[in-house]
Amino acid sequence: MKIQSLFTFSALSLFSASVYASGISEADIIEAQKKWGEGIVEIGKVKTDGGDYTEAAKELIDDLYAYDHGSVAFKPTLAADDQFRGDVDEALSYFVGGMIEEDKGFAIKPWTNVRFENEEVIINGNQAIAMGNYFFTTVEGEEVKVEYSFGYTHVDDELLINLHHSSLPYAK
C-alpha cells in the first residue's frame, strides 16, 4: 500500500511538473493574438492581390485553432441566424464566405490592422482565457471596436484557440 501511494505521488508529481513546464505565459497569449491579427490582415491582402484567400484562411484556421485536437466553441461577431461555427468548414465560411448564407467573409473585407487590448488574462496551467476589445482598421483608416473572449489550450508546444466569442459593443 505504501509503495503504491509513493508511486502514485511520484507519478502525479511528474505529471504536474510536465503540465507546469508546458504552461502558458501572458507573452504567449500576446504572440498568439498578434499572429491571429496578422492572419486576418493577410487573408484580405491575398484577396485584394487576386490570390487564393480561401487557402490563406484555411492556413489561419489550421495553424491557430484547435479543431484538430477537440471541440472549438466559436461564436463570431457578425453571426445572427446561425450564431455558432462548430467545425472547420463553418469557421472557414465565416472568414471568407460560402457555406453559411449570412457569411459575407469577415476576413476579406479587407482590414489593414488588428490591435488587441486585453482587459483580463487568466492562465491555468495549459489553458488560458483572454478578454477585452480588439480593433480592426479599415482601408479608410477607421477603427472598428469589437469585444472578444478567446480561450487557449497548449497542445504539442503550440498555443491554439479553443474558444472564440466576439460581439459588437452594446449601442445605447
N, C-alpha and C. Protein backbone atom coordinates (compact mmCIF):
# COMPACT_ATOMS: atom_id res chain seq x y z
N MET A 1 0.82 -1.19 0.00
CA MET A 1 0.00 0.00 0.00
C MET A 1 0.86 1.25 0.00
N LYS A 2 1.92 1.28 0.86
CA LYS A 2 2.81 2.44 0.90
C LYS A 2 3.53 2.61 -0.42
N ILE A 3 3.95 1.52 -1.02
CA ILE A 3 4.67 1.59 -2.29
C ILE A 3 3.76 2.15 -3.38
N GLN A 4 2.51 1.68 -3.42
CA GLN A 4 1.57 2.18 -4.42
C GLN A 4 1.31 3.67 -4.20
N SER A 5 1.14 4.09 -2.96
CA SER A 5 0.91 5.51 -2.67
C SER A 5 2.11 6.35 -3.08
N LEU A 6 3.31 5.85 -2.78
CA LEU A 6 4.52 6.57 -3.16
C LEU A 6 4.63 6.67 -4.68
N PHE A 7 4.32 5.56 -5.37
CA PHE A 7 4.35 5.57 -6.83
C PHE A 7 3.33 6.56 -7.39
N THR A 8 2.12 6.53 -6.85
CA THR A 8 1.07 7.45 -7.30
C THR A 8 1.49 8.89 -7.09
N PHE A 9 2.04 9.20 -5.92
CA PHE A 9 2.51 10.56 -5.64
C PHE A 9 3.60 10.97 -6.63
N SER A 10 4.55 10.07 -6.87
CA SER A 10 5.66 10.36 -7.80
C SER A 10 5.14 10.59 -9.20
N ALA A 11 4.21 9.74 -9.64
CA ALA A 11 3.66 9.89 -10.99
C ALA A 11 2.89 11.20 -11.11
N LEU A 12 2.12 11.54 -10.10
CA LEU A 12 1.39 12.81 -10.14
C LEU A 12 2.33 13.99 -10.13
N SER A 13 3.41 13.89 -9.38
CA SER A 13 4.40 14.96 -9.35
C SER A 13 5.01 15.16 -10.72
N LEU A 14 5.35 14.07 -11.39
CA LEU A 14 5.92 14.18 -12.74
C LEU A 14 4.91 14.78 -13.70
N PHE A 15 3.65 14.33 -13.60
CA PHE A 15 2.61 14.87 -14.47
C PHE A 15 2.43 16.36 -14.22
N SER A 16 2.35 16.74 -12.96
CA SER A 16 2.18 18.15 -12.62
C SER A 16 3.34 18.98 -13.13
N ALA A 17 4.55 18.45 -13.01
CA ALA A 17 5.73 19.19 -13.48
C ALA A 17 5.68 19.36 -14.99
N SER A 18 5.22 18.32 -15.73
CA SER A 18 5.18 18.44 -17.19
C SER A 18 4.09 19.42 -17.61
N VAL A 19 2.98 19.45 -16.90
CA VAL A 19 1.94 20.43 -17.21
C VAL A 19 2.47 21.83 -16.93
N TYR A 20 3.13 22.00 -15.79
CA TYR A 20 3.66 23.32 -15.44
C TYR A 20 4.69 23.76 -16.47
N ALA A 21 5.55 22.83 -16.88
CA ALA A 21 6.60 23.17 -17.85
C ALA A 21 6.00 23.58 -19.18
N SER A 22 4.84 23.03 -19.52
CA SER A 22 4.21 23.38 -20.78
C SER A 22 3.16 24.46 -20.60
N GLY A 23 3.18 25.15 -19.47
CA GLY A 23 2.20 26.18 -19.18
C GLY A 23 2.28 27.35 -20.14
N ILE A 24 1.33 28.23 -20.02
CA ILE A 24 1.16 29.37 -20.90
C ILE A 24 1.58 30.63 -20.16
N SER A 25 2.24 31.53 -20.84
CA SER A 25 2.57 32.83 -20.26
C SER A 25 1.73 33.90 -20.95
N GLU A 26 1.65 35.06 -20.33
CA GLU A 26 0.93 36.17 -20.95
C GLU A 26 1.60 36.58 -22.27
N ALA A 27 2.91 36.47 -22.33
CA ALA A 27 3.63 36.76 -23.58
C ALA A 27 3.21 35.80 -24.69
N ASP A 28 2.95 34.53 -24.34
CA ASP A 28 2.47 33.56 -25.33
C ASP A 28 1.13 33.99 -25.90
N ILE A 29 0.26 34.48 -25.03
CA ILE A 29 -1.07 34.92 -25.46
C ILE A 29 -0.95 36.13 -26.38
N ILE A 30 -0.13 37.08 -26.00
CA ILE A 30 0.07 38.27 -26.83
C ILE A 30 0.62 37.89 -28.20
N GLU A 31 1.53 36.94 -28.24
CA GLU A 31 2.08 36.47 -29.51
C GLU A 31 1.00 35.78 -30.35
N ALA A 32 0.17 34.96 -29.72
CA ALA A 32 -0.93 34.30 -30.44
C ALA A 32 -1.91 35.32 -30.99
N GLN A 33 -2.21 36.35 -30.22
CA GLN A 33 -3.11 37.40 -30.69
C GLN A 33 -2.50 38.15 -31.88
N LYS A 34 -1.21 38.40 -31.81
CA LYS A 34 -0.50 39.07 -32.91
C LYS A 34 -0.60 38.22 -34.18
N LYS A 35 -0.35 36.92 -34.06
CA LYS A 35 -0.43 36.01 -35.21
C LYS A 35 -1.84 35.99 -35.78
N TRP A 36 -2.85 35.97 -34.91
CA TRP A 36 -4.23 35.95 -35.38
C TRP A 36 -4.54 37.23 -36.16
N GLY A 37 -4.20 38.38 -35.59
CA GLY A 37 -4.44 39.65 -36.26
C GLY A 37 -3.73 39.74 -37.59
N GLU A 38 -2.46 39.34 -37.62
CA GLU A 38 -1.70 39.35 -38.87
C GLU A 38 -2.33 38.41 -39.90
N GLY A 39 -2.85 37.28 -39.44
CA GLY A 39 -3.50 36.32 -40.34
C GLY A 39 -4.76 36.90 -40.95
N ILE A 40 -5.56 37.61 -40.15
CA ILE A 40 -6.78 38.24 -40.67
C ILE A 40 -6.41 39.28 -41.73
N VAL A 41 -5.43 40.11 -41.44
CA VAL A 41 -4.98 41.12 -42.41
C VAL A 41 -4.47 40.44 -43.68
N GLU A 42 -3.72 39.37 -43.53
CA GLU A 42 -3.14 38.67 -44.68
C GLU A 42 -4.22 38.09 -45.59
N ILE A 43 -5.29 37.54 -45.02
CA ILE A 43 -6.37 36.98 -45.83
C ILE A 43 -6.95 38.06 -46.74
N GLY A 44 -7.23 39.24 -46.19
CA GLY A 44 -7.76 40.34 -47.00
C GLY A 44 -6.77 40.80 -48.05
N LYS A 45 -5.50 40.84 -47.70
CA LYS A 45 -4.46 41.25 -48.65
C LYS A 45 -4.36 40.26 -49.81
N VAL A 46 -4.40 38.98 -49.50
CA VAL A 46 -4.34 37.95 -50.54
C VAL A 46 -5.52 38.10 -51.49
N LYS A 47 -6.72 38.36 -50.94
CA LYS A 47 -7.89 38.55 -51.81
C LYS A 47 -7.71 39.78 -52.69
N THR A 48 -7.28 40.89 -52.10
CA THR A 48 -7.06 42.13 -52.85
C THR A 48 -6.05 41.93 -53.97
N ASP A 49 -5.02 41.12 -53.71
CA ASP A 49 -3.97 40.86 -54.70
C ASP A 49 -4.36 39.78 -55.71
N GLY A 50 -5.58 39.24 -55.59
CA GLY A 50 -6.05 38.23 -56.54
C GLY A 50 -5.59 36.82 -56.26
N GLY A 51 -5.12 36.57 -55.04
CA GLY A 51 -4.61 35.25 -54.68
C GLY A 51 -5.68 34.35 -54.10
N ASP A 52 -5.27 33.19 -53.64
CA ASP A 52 -6.16 32.18 -53.07
C ASP A 52 -6.41 32.48 -51.59
N TYR A 53 -7.35 33.38 -51.34
CA TYR A 53 -7.65 33.80 -49.97
C TYR A 53 -8.30 32.69 -49.16
N THR A 54 -8.99 31.77 -49.83
CA THR A 54 -9.58 30.64 -49.11
C THR A 54 -8.47 29.77 -48.52
N GLU A 55 -7.42 29.55 -49.27
CA GLU A 55 -6.28 28.77 -48.77
C GLU A 55 -5.61 29.51 -47.61
N ALA A 56 -5.50 30.84 -47.72
CA ALA A 56 -4.90 31.63 -46.63
C ALA A 56 -5.74 31.49 -45.36
N ALA A 57 -7.07 31.49 -45.50
CA ALA A 57 -7.95 31.33 -44.34
C ALA A 57 -7.85 29.92 -43.76
N LYS A 58 -7.75 28.91 -44.63
CA LYS A 58 -7.57 27.54 -44.14
C LYS A 58 -6.29 27.43 -43.31
N GLU A 59 -5.22 28.06 -43.78
CA GLU A 59 -3.96 28.03 -43.04
C GLU A 59 -4.11 28.69 -41.67
N LEU A 60 -4.81 29.83 -41.62
CA LEU A 60 -5.04 30.51 -40.34
C LEU A 60 -5.78 29.58 -39.38
N ILE A 61 -6.84 28.96 -39.85
CA ILE A 61 -7.64 28.07 -39.01
C ILE A 61 -6.80 26.86 -38.57
N ASP A 62 -6.10 26.24 -39.51
CA ASP A 62 -5.28 25.07 -39.18
C ASP A 62 -4.16 25.40 -38.21
N ASP A 63 -3.55 26.57 -38.37
CA ASP A 63 -2.40 26.96 -37.54
C ASP A 63 -2.79 27.47 -36.16
N LEU A 64 -3.97 28.12 -36.04
CA LEU A 64 -4.27 28.84 -34.81
C LEU A 64 -5.46 28.30 -34.01
N TYR A 65 -6.30 27.48 -34.61
CA TYR A 65 -7.47 26.94 -33.91
C TYR A 65 -7.25 25.47 -33.58
N ALA A 66 -7.92 24.98 -32.54
CA ALA A 66 -7.72 23.63 -32.02
C ALA A 66 -8.71 22.61 -32.58
N TYR A 67 -9.28 22.86 -33.76
CA TYR A 67 -10.26 21.92 -34.32
C TYR A 67 -9.70 20.50 -34.46
N ASP A 68 -8.41 20.36 -34.74
CA ASP A 68 -7.80 19.03 -34.89
C ASP A 68 -7.55 18.34 -33.55
N HIS A 69 -7.79 19.04 -32.44
CA HIS A 69 -7.47 18.49 -31.12
C HIS A 69 -8.69 18.42 -30.20
N GLY A 70 -9.88 18.64 -30.74
CA GLY A 70 -11.08 18.60 -29.92
C GLY A 70 -12.06 19.67 -30.35
N SER A 71 -12.99 19.96 -29.49
CA SER A 71 -14.03 20.94 -29.80
C SER A 71 -13.49 22.36 -29.71
N VAL A 72 -14.05 23.22 -30.56
CA VAL A 72 -13.79 24.66 -30.50
C VAL A 72 -15.14 25.35 -30.39
N ALA A 73 -15.30 26.19 -29.39
CA ALA A 73 -16.52 26.98 -29.23
C ALA A 73 -16.28 28.32 -29.94
N PHE A 74 -16.96 28.54 -31.07
CA PHE A 74 -16.72 29.72 -31.91
C PHE A 74 -18.04 30.42 -32.17
N LYS A 75 -18.16 31.63 -31.64
CA LYS A 75 -19.32 32.49 -31.88
C LYS A 75 -18.77 33.79 -32.48
N PRO A 76 -18.81 33.91 -33.81
CA PRO A 76 -18.24 35.09 -34.46
C PRO A 76 -19.11 36.34 -34.31
N THR A 77 -18.49 37.47 -34.60
CA THR A 77 -19.13 38.78 -34.43
C THR A 77 -20.40 38.93 -35.25
N LEU A 78 -20.29 38.78 -36.54
CA LEU A 78 -21.39 39.08 -37.45
C LEU A 78 -22.18 37.83 -37.80
N ALA A 79 -22.69 37.15 -36.79
CA ALA A 79 -23.49 35.94 -36.97
C ALA A 79 -24.80 36.13 -36.21
N ALA A 80 -25.91 36.07 -36.94
CA ALA A 80 -27.21 36.29 -36.31
C ALA A 80 -28.10 35.06 -36.44
N ASP A 81 -28.24 34.53 -37.65
CA ASP A 81 -29.15 33.41 -37.88
C ASP A 81 -28.52 32.08 -37.47
N ASP A 82 -27.29 31.88 -37.85
CA ASP A 82 -26.53 30.69 -37.48
C ASP A 82 -25.37 31.19 -36.62
N GLN A 83 -25.59 31.28 -35.33
CA GLN A 83 -24.69 32.01 -34.44
C GLN A 83 -23.36 31.33 -34.16
N PHE A 84 -23.27 30.03 -34.32
CA PHE A 84 -22.08 29.30 -33.87
C PHE A 84 -21.44 28.56 -35.04
N ARG A 85 -20.12 28.39 -34.96
CA ARG A 85 -19.36 27.71 -36.01
C ARG A 85 -18.66 26.51 -35.37
N GLY A 86 -19.29 25.34 -35.49
CA GLY A 86 -18.85 24.15 -34.77
C GLY A 86 -17.75 23.33 -35.42
N ASP A 87 -17.42 23.64 -36.68
CA ASP A 87 -16.36 22.87 -37.33
C ASP A 87 -15.53 23.76 -38.25
N VAL A 88 -14.50 23.18 -38.82
CA VAL A 88 -13.56 23.93 -39.66
C VAL A 88 -14.28 24.57 -40.85
N ASP A 89 -15.17 23.84 -41.51
CA ASP A 89 -15.85 24.37 -42.69
C ASP A 89 -16.72 25.58 -42.34
N GLU A 90 -17.39 25.54 -41.19
CA GLU A 90 -18.21 26.67 -40.77
C GLU A 90 -17.34 27.86 -40.38
N ALA A 91 -16.20 27.61 -39.76
CA ALA A 91 -15.27 28.70 -39.44
C ALA A 91 -14.75 29.33 -40.72
N LEU A 92 -14.39 28.50 -41.68
CA LEU A 92 -13.91 29.00 -42.98
C LEU A 92 -14.98 29.85 -43.65
N SER A 93 -16.22 29.41 -43.59
CA SER A 93 -17.32 30.18 -44.17
C SER A 93 -17.41 31.57 -43.55
N TYR A 94 -17.24 31.65 -42.24
CA TYR A 94 -17.30 32.96 -41.60
C TYR A 94 -16.20 33.87 -42.11
N PHE A 95 -15.00 33.35 -42.23
CA PHE A 95 -13.87 34.20 -42.61
C PHE A 95 -13.89 34.60 -44.09
N VAL A 96 -14.36 33.70 -44.98
CA VAL A 96 -14.29 34.01 -46.42
C VAL A 96 -15.63 33.90 -47.14
N GLY A 97 -16.70 33.51 -46.44
CA GLY A 97 -18.00 33.35 -47.07
C GLY A 97 -18.13 31.97 -47.70
N GLY A 98 -19.39 31.63 -48.05
CA GLY A 98 -19.59 30.39 -48.79
C GLY A 98 -20.61 29.44 -48.24
N MET A 99 -20.32 28.75 -47.18
CA MET A 99 -21.15 27.65 -46.72
C MET A 99 -22.44 28.13 -46.04
N ILE A 100 -22.34 29.16 -45.23
CA ILE A 100 -23.50 29.66 -44.48
C ILE A 100 -23.95 30.97 -45.13
N GLU A 101 -25.24 31.04 -45.46
CA GLU A 101 -25.78 32.13 -46.27
C GLU A 101 -25.44 33.52 -45.73
N GLU A 102 -25.52 33.72 -44.44
CA GLU A 102 -25.27 35.06 -43.89
C GLU A 102 -23.80 35.46 -43.88
N ASP A 103 -22.90 34.52 -44.09
CA ASP A 103 -21.46 34.81 -44.05
C ASP A 103 -21.03 35.54 -45.32
N LYS A 104 -20.47 36.72 -45.13
CA LYS A 104 -20.01 37.54 -46.25
C LYS A 104 -18.49 37.57 -46.34
N GLY A 105 -17.82 36.92 -45.42
CA GLY A 105 -16.36 36.88 -45.44
C GLY A 105 -15.76 37.99 -44.62
N PHE A 106 -15.80 37.84 -43.30
CA PHE A 106 -15.29 38.86 -42.39
C PHE A 106 -13.84 39.22 -42.69
N ALA A 107 -13.01 38.24 -42.98
CA ALA A 107 -11.57 38.49 -43.15
C ALA A 107 -11.21 39.05 -44.52
N ILE A 108 -12.14 39.03 -45.47
CA ILE A 108 -11.81 39.52 -46.81
C ILE A 108 -12.27 40.96 -47.02
N LYS A 109 -12.66 41.63 -45.97
CA LYS A 109 -13.20 42.99 -46.05
C LYS A 109 -12.37 43.94 -46.90
N PRO A 110 -11.19 44.23 -46.90
CA PRO A 110 -10.09 43.77 -46.05
C PRO A 110 -9.85 44.71 -44.87
N TRP A 111 -9.06 44.24 -43.94
CA TRP A 111 -8.60 45.03 -42.80
C TRP A 111 -7.11 45.31 -42.98
N THR A 112 -6.65 46.45 -42.48
CA THR A 112 -5.23 46.78 -42.60
C THR A 112 -4.46 46.54 -41.31
N ASN A 113 -5.17 46.38 -40.21
CA ASN A 113 -4.51 46.13 -38.92
C ASN A 113 -5.54 45.58 -37.94
N VAL A 114 -5.06 44.78 -37.01
CA VAL A 114 -5.87 44.31 -35.88
C VAL A 114 -5.05 44.55 -34.62
N ARG A 115 -5.68 45.22 -33.67
CA ARG A 115 -5.00 45.58 -32.42
C ARG A 115 -5.81 45.05 -31.24
N PHE A 116 -5.16 44.31 -30.34
CA PHE A 116 -5.81 43.75 -29.16
C PHE A 116 -5.55 44.63 -27.94
N GLU A 117 -6.55 44.79 -27.10
CA GLU A 117 -6.40 45.38 -25.76
C GLU A 117 -7.02 44.40 -24.77
N ASN A 118 -6.17 43.69 -24.05
CA ASN A 118 -6.65 42.71 -23.08
C ASN A 118 -7.14 43.42 -21.82
N GLU A 119 -8.36 43.13 -21.44
CA GLU A 119 -8.89 43.61 -20.17
C GLU A 119 -8.46 42.67 -19.04
N GLU A 120 -8.49 41.38 -19.34
CA GLU A 120 -8.13 40.38 -18.34
C GLU A 120 -7.55 39.15 -19.04
N VAL A 121 -6.56 38.57 -18.44
CA VAL A 121 -5.97 37.31 -18.90
C VAL A 121 -5.93 36.39 -17.69
N ILE A 122 -6.49 35.20 -17.85
CA ILE A 122 -6.49 34.20 -16.78
C ILE A 122 -5.76 32.97 -17.31
N ILE A 123 -4.73 32.56 -16.59
CA ILE A 123 -3.92 31.42 -17.02
C ILE A 123 -4.02 30.34 -15.95
N ASN A 124 -4.29 29.12 -16.41
CA ASN A 124 -4.37 27.98 -15.50
C ASN A 124 -3.67 26.80 -16.17
N GLY A 125 -2.38 26.65 -15.90
CA GLY A 125 -1.62 25.54 -16.48
C GLY A 125 -1.54 25.64 -17.99
N ASN A 126 -2.14 24.66 -18.68
CA ASN A 126 -2.08 24.66 -20.14
C ASN A 126 -3.36 25.19 -20.78
N GLN A 127 -4.14 25.94 -20.01
CA GLN A 127 -5.36 26.59 -20.51
C GLN A 127 -5.31 28.07 -20.13
N ALA A 128 -5.89 28.91 -20.97
CA ALA A 128 -5.93 30.34 -20.66
C ALA A 128 -7.14 30.97 -21.32
N ILE A 129 -7.56 32.10 -20.76
CA ILE A 129 -8.65 32.90 -21.32
C ILE A 129 -8.17 34.34 -21.36
N ALA A 130 -8.45 35.00 -22.47
CA ALA A 130 -8.18 36.44 -22.59
C ALA A 130 -9.48 37.11 -23.02
N MET A 131 -9.78 38.26 -22.39
CA MET A 131 -10.99 39.01 -22.69
C MET A 131 -10.63 40.47 -22.83
N GLY A 132 -11.29 41.14 -23.76
CA GLY A 132 -11.05 42.57 -23.95
C GLY A 132 -11.70 43.07 -25.21
N ASN A 133 -11.06 44.06 -25.80
CA ASN A 133 -11.52 44.63 -27.07
C ASN A 133 -10.42 44.45 -28.10
N TYR A 134 -10.85 44.19 -29.33
CA TYR A 134 -9.89 44.29 -30.42
C TYR A 134 -10.44 45.26 -31.43
N PHE A 135 -9.51 45.87 -32.14
CA PHE A 135 -9.84 46.96 -33.05
C PHE A 135 -9.36 46.60 -34.45
N PHE A 136 -10.28 46.63 -35.40
CA PHE A 136 -9.99 46.32 -36.79
C PHE A 136 -9.94 47.62 -37.57
N THR A 137 -8.84 47.87 -38.27
CA THR A 137 -8.66 49.10 -39.03
C THR A 137 -9.07 48.86 -40.48
N THR A 138 -9.99 49.71 -40.97
CA THR A 138 -10.45 49.62 -42.35
C THR A 138 -9.40 50.24 -43.29
N VAL A 139 -9.58 50.07 -44.59
CA VAL A 139 -8.66 50.67 -45.56
C VAL A 139 -8.75 52.19 -45.52
N GLU A 140 -9.85 52.72 -44.99
CA GLU A 140 -10.00 54.17 -44.84
C GLU A 140 -9.34 54.69 -43.57
N GLY A 141 -8.82 53.79 -42.75
CA GLY A 141 -8.13 54.19 -41.53
C GLY A 141 -9.01 54.27 -40.30
N GLU A 142 -10.28 53.89 -40.40
CA GLU A 142 -11.19 53.91 -39.25
C GLU A 142 -11.05 52.61 -38.47
N GLU A 143 -11.12 52.72 -37.14
CA GLU A 143 -11.07 51.53 -36.29
C GLU A 143 -12.48 51.09 -35.91
N VAL A 144 -12.72 49.79 -36.00
CA VAL A 144 -13.98 49.19 -35.58
C VAL A 144 -13.68 48.40 -34.30
N LYS A 145 -14.37 48.79 -33.22
CA LYS A 145 -14.16 48.15 -31.92
C LYS A 145 -15.07 46.93 -31.79
N VAL A 146 -14.48 45.81 -31.38
CA VAL A 146 -15.21 44.57 -31.18
C VAL A 146 -14.78 43.98 -29.83
N GLU A 147 -15.74 43.43 -29.10
CA GLU A 147 -15.45 42.78 -27.82
C GLU A 147 -15.13 41.30 -28.07
N TYR A 148 -14.22 40.75 -27.29
CA TYR A 148 -13.85 39.35 -27.51
C TYR A 148 -13.55 38.63 -26.20
N SER A 149 -13.70 37.32 -26.28
CA SER A 149 -13.17 36.37 -25.31
C SER A 149 -12.54 35.25 -26.13
N PHE A 150 -11.28 34.97 -25.89
CA PHE A 150 -10.59 33.87 -26.55
C PHE A 150 -10.12 32.91 -25.47
N GLY A 151 -10.31 31.63 -25.71
CA GLY A 151 -9.75 30.60 -24.86
C GLY A 151 -8.61 29.93 -25.61
N TYR A 152 -7.59 29.56 -24.88
CA TYR A 152 -6.41 28.94 -25.48
C TYR A 152 -6.09 27.64 -24.77
N THR A 153 -5.56 26.70 -25.53
CA THR A 153 -5.06 25.46 -24.98
C THR A 153 -3.66 25.21 -25.53
N HIS A 154 -2.80 24.69 -24.70
CA HIS A 154 -1.42 24.42 -25.09
C HIS A 154 -1.34 22.96 -25.52
N VAL A 155 -1.11 22.73 -26.81
CA VAL A 155 -1.07 21.38 -27.37
C VAL A 155 0.19 21.23 -28.21
N ASP A 156 0.99 20.23 -27.91
CA ASP A 156 2.20 19.95 -28.71
C ASP A 156 3.04 21.21 -28.93
N ASP A 157 3.31 21.93 -27.87
CA ASP A 157 4.12 23.15 -27.91
C ASP A 157 3.52 24.27 -28.76
N GLU A 158 2.21 24.22 -28.99
CA GLU A 158 1.53 25.29 -29.71
C GLU A 158 0.39 25.82 -28.86
N LEU A 159 0.15 27.10 -28.94
CA LEU A 159 -0.99 27.72 -28.27
C LEU A 159 -2.10 27.85 -29.30
N LEU A 160 -3.20 27.12 -29.07
CA LEU A 160 -4.30 27.06 -30.03
C LEU A 160 -5.58 27.60 -29.42
N ILE A 161 -6.41 28.19 -30.26
CA ILE A 161 -7.69 28.76 -29.83
C ILE A 161 -8.72 27.65 -29.74
N ASN A 162 -9.35 27.52 -28.56
CA ASN A 162 -10.45 26.57 -28.40
C ASN A 162 -11.75 27.26 -28.00
N LEU A 163 -11.70 28.58 -27.84
CA LEU A 163 -12.88 29.41 -27.58
C LEU A 163 -12.67 30.74 -28.28
N HIS A 164 -13.65 31.13 -29.09
CA HIS A 164 -13.59 32.43 -29.76
C HIS A 164 -15.00 32.99 -29.76
N HIS A 165 -15.21 34.00 -28.95
CA HIS A 165 -16.50 34.69 -28.88
C HIS A 165 -16.24 36.17 -29.12
N SER A 166 -16.96 36.75 -30.06
CA SER A 166 -16.81 38.19 -30.25
C SER A 166 -18.17 38.79 -30.59
N SER A 167 -18.31 40.05 -30.23
CA SER A 167 -19.57 40.76 -30.46
C SER A 167 -19.31 42.25 -30.54
N LEU A 168 -20.23 42.93 -31.16
CA LEU A 168 -20.14 44.39 -31.23
C LEU A 168 -20.61 44.97 -29.90
N PRO A 169 -20.02 46.06 -29.45
CA PRO A 169 -20.45 46.68 -28.19
C PRO A 169 -21.92 47.08 -28.25
N TYR A 170 -22.56 47.03 -27.11
CA TYR A 170 -23.96 47.43 -26.98
C TYR A 170 -24.12 48.88 -27.41
N ALA A 171 -25.10 49.13 -28.26
CA ALA A 171 -25.37 50.50 -28.72
C ALA A 171 -26.48 51.09 -27.84
N LYS A 172 -26.17 52.20 -27.20
CA LYS A 172 -27.16 52.84 -26.30
C LYS A 172 -28.29 53.45 -27.08
